[in-house]
Amino acid sequence: MLFKLVIVLFILFILYSLGSGLYYLVRDKSRSTRVVKALTWRIGLSLLLFILLFVAYALGWIQPHSL
């Protein structure tokens, strides 16, 4: 159950970063790098979540199921 909570938190942080990148893209008219930083955080968090899922599967913390 704790691992599922961690996954949900990662997804929420990824969505927050994506939303803040969109906000900075629309509202920030200067030449700041806030959009790039927000999207870089999103990519980093997505990769970290992907690696975490692979490690959790390899360690047996999560099991695939058929639908």
C-alpha atoms as a PDB file:
ATOM      1  CA  MET A   1       0.000   0.000   0.000  1.00  0.00           C
ATOM      2  CA  LEU A   2       2.864   2.367   0.785  1.00  0.00           C
ATOM      3  CA  PHE A   3       4.413   1.793  -2.621  1.00  0.00           C
ATOM      4  CA  LYS A   4       1.129   2.668  -4.345  1.00  0.00           C
ATOM      5  CA  LEU A   5       1.056   5.919  -2.383  1.00  0.00           C
ATOM      6  CA  VAL A   6       4.587   6.716  -3.548  1.00  0.00           C
ATOM      7  CA  ILE A   7       3.571   6.102  -7.162  1.00  0.00           C
ATOM      8  CA  VAL A   8       0.520   8.358  -6.823  1.00  0.00           C
ATOM      9  CA  LEU A   9       2.654  11.101  -5.238  1.00  0.00           C
ATOM     10  CA  PHE A  10       5.152  10.875  -8.094  1.00  0.00           C
ATOM     11  CA  ILE A  11       2.328  11.200 -10.622  1.00  0.00           C
ATOM     12  CA  LEU A  12       0.893  14.207  -8.771  1.00  0.00           C
ATOM     13  CA  PHE A  13       4.310  15.922  -8.709  1.00  0.00           C
ATOM     14  CA  ILE A  14       4.733  15.206 -12.425  1.00  0.00           C
ATOM     15  CA  LEU A  15       1.328  16.735 -13.185  1.00  0.00           C
ATOM     16  CA  TYR A  16       2.111  19.758 -11.002  1.00  0.00           C
ATOM     17  CA  SER A  17       5.375  20.304 -12.857  1.00  0.00           C
ATOM     18  CA  LEU A  18       3.610  19.990 -16.194  1.00  0.00           C
ATOM     19  CA  GLY A  19       0.939  22.475 -15.110  1.00  0.00           C
ATOM     20  CA  SER A  20       3.483  24.973 -13.822  1.00  0.00           C
ATOM     21  CA  GLY A  21       5.374  24.704 -17.108  1.00  0.00           C
ATOM     22  CA  LEU A  22       2.171  25.501 -18.981  1.00  0.00           C
ATOM     23  CA  TYR A  23       1.434  28.413 -16.646  1.00  0.00           C
ATOM     24  CA  TYR A  24       4.910  29.881 -17.136  1.00  0.00           C
ATOM     25  CA  LEU A  25       4.639  29.374 -20.894  1.00  0.00           C
ATOM     26  CA  VAL A  26       1.374  31.325 -21.082  1.00  0.00           C
ATOM     27  CA  ARG A  27       1.964  34.021 -18.434  1.00  0.00           C
ATOM     28  CA  ASP A  28       5.708  34.666 -18.470  1.00  0.00           C
ATOM     29  CA  LYS A  29       6.493  37.055 -21.303  1.00  0.00           C
ATOM     30  CA  SER A  30      10.134  37.610 -20.367  1.00  0.00           C
ATOM     31  CA  ARG A  31      13.103  35.511 -21.398  1.00  0.00           C
ATOM     32  CA  SER A  32      13.264  33.554 -18.145  1.00  0.00           C
ATOM     33  CA  THR A  33      14.068  29.866 -18.014  1.00  0.00           C
ATOM     34  CA  ARG A  34      11.230  28.880 -15.689  1.00  0.00           C
ATOM     35  CA  VAL A  35       9.442  26.898 -18.423  1.00  0.00           C
ATOM     36  CA  VAL A  36      12.568  24.908 -19.186  1.00  0.00           C
ATOM     37  CA  LYS A  37      13.217  24.220 -15.500  1.00  0.00           C
ATOM     38  CA  ALA A  38       9.641  23.046 -14.895  1.00  0.00           C
ATOM     39  CA  LEU A  39       9.693  20.709 -17.874  1.00  0.00           C
ATOM     40  CA  THR A  40      13.152  19.437 -16.919  1.00  0.00           C
ATOM     41  CA  TRP A  41      11.771  18.533 -13.488  1.00  0.00           C
ATOM     42  CA  ARG A  42       8.896  16.708 -15.189  1.00  0.00           C
ATOM     43  CA  ILE A  43      11.232  14.662 -17.352  1.00  0.00           C
ATOM     44  CA  GLY A  44      13.476  13.847 -14.395  1.00  0.00           C
ATOM     45  CA  LEU A  45      10.561  12.763 -12.212  1.00  0.00           C
ATOM     46  CA  SER A  46       9.110  10.654 -15.028  1.00  0.00           C
ATOM     47  CA  LEU A  47      12.406   8.862 -15.568  1.00  0.00           C
ATOM     48  CA  LEU A  48      12.833   8.314 -11.844  1.00  0.00           C
ATOM     49  CA  LEU A  49       9.328   6.843 -11.602  1.00  0.00           C
ATOM     50  CA  PHE A  50      10.030   4.561 -14.567  1.00  0.00           C
ATOM     51  CA  ILE A  51      13.254   3.300 -12.977  1.00  0.00           C
ATOM     52  CA  LEU A  52      11.504   2.891  -9.626  1.00  0.00           C
ATOM     53  CA  LEU A  53       8.816   0.745 -11.237  1.00  0.00           C
ATOM     54  CA  PHE A  54      11.436  -1.478 -12.874  1.00  0.00           C
ATOM     55  CA  VAL A  55      13.319  -1.917  -9.594  1.00  0.00           C
ATOM     56  CA  ALA A  56      10.094  -2.633  -7.688  1.00  0.00           C
ATOM     57  CA  TYR A  57       9.153  -5.293 -10.231  1.00  0.00           C
ATOM     58  CA  ALA A  58      12.623  -6.856 -10.086  1.00  0.00           C
ATOM     59  CA  LEU A  59      12.509  -6.983  -6.269  1.00  0.00           C
ATOM     60  CA  GLY A  60       8.996  -8.439  -6.277  1.00  0.00           C
ATOM     61  CA  TRP A  61       7.336  -5.472  -4.596  1.00  0.00           C
ATOM     62  CA  ILE A  62       4.757  -5.239  -7.391  1.00  0.00           C
ATOM     63  CA  GLN A  63       3.227  -8.025  -9.453  1.00  0.00           C
ATOM     64  CA  PRO A  64       1.606  -7.737 -12.878  1.00  0.00           C
ATOM     65  CA  HIS A  65      -1.946  -8.987 -13.221  1.00  0.00           C
ATOM     66  CA  SER A  66      -4.074  -9.949 -16.149  1.00  0.00           C
ATOM     67  CA  LEU A  67      -7.164  -7.976 -17.014  1.00  0.00           C
END
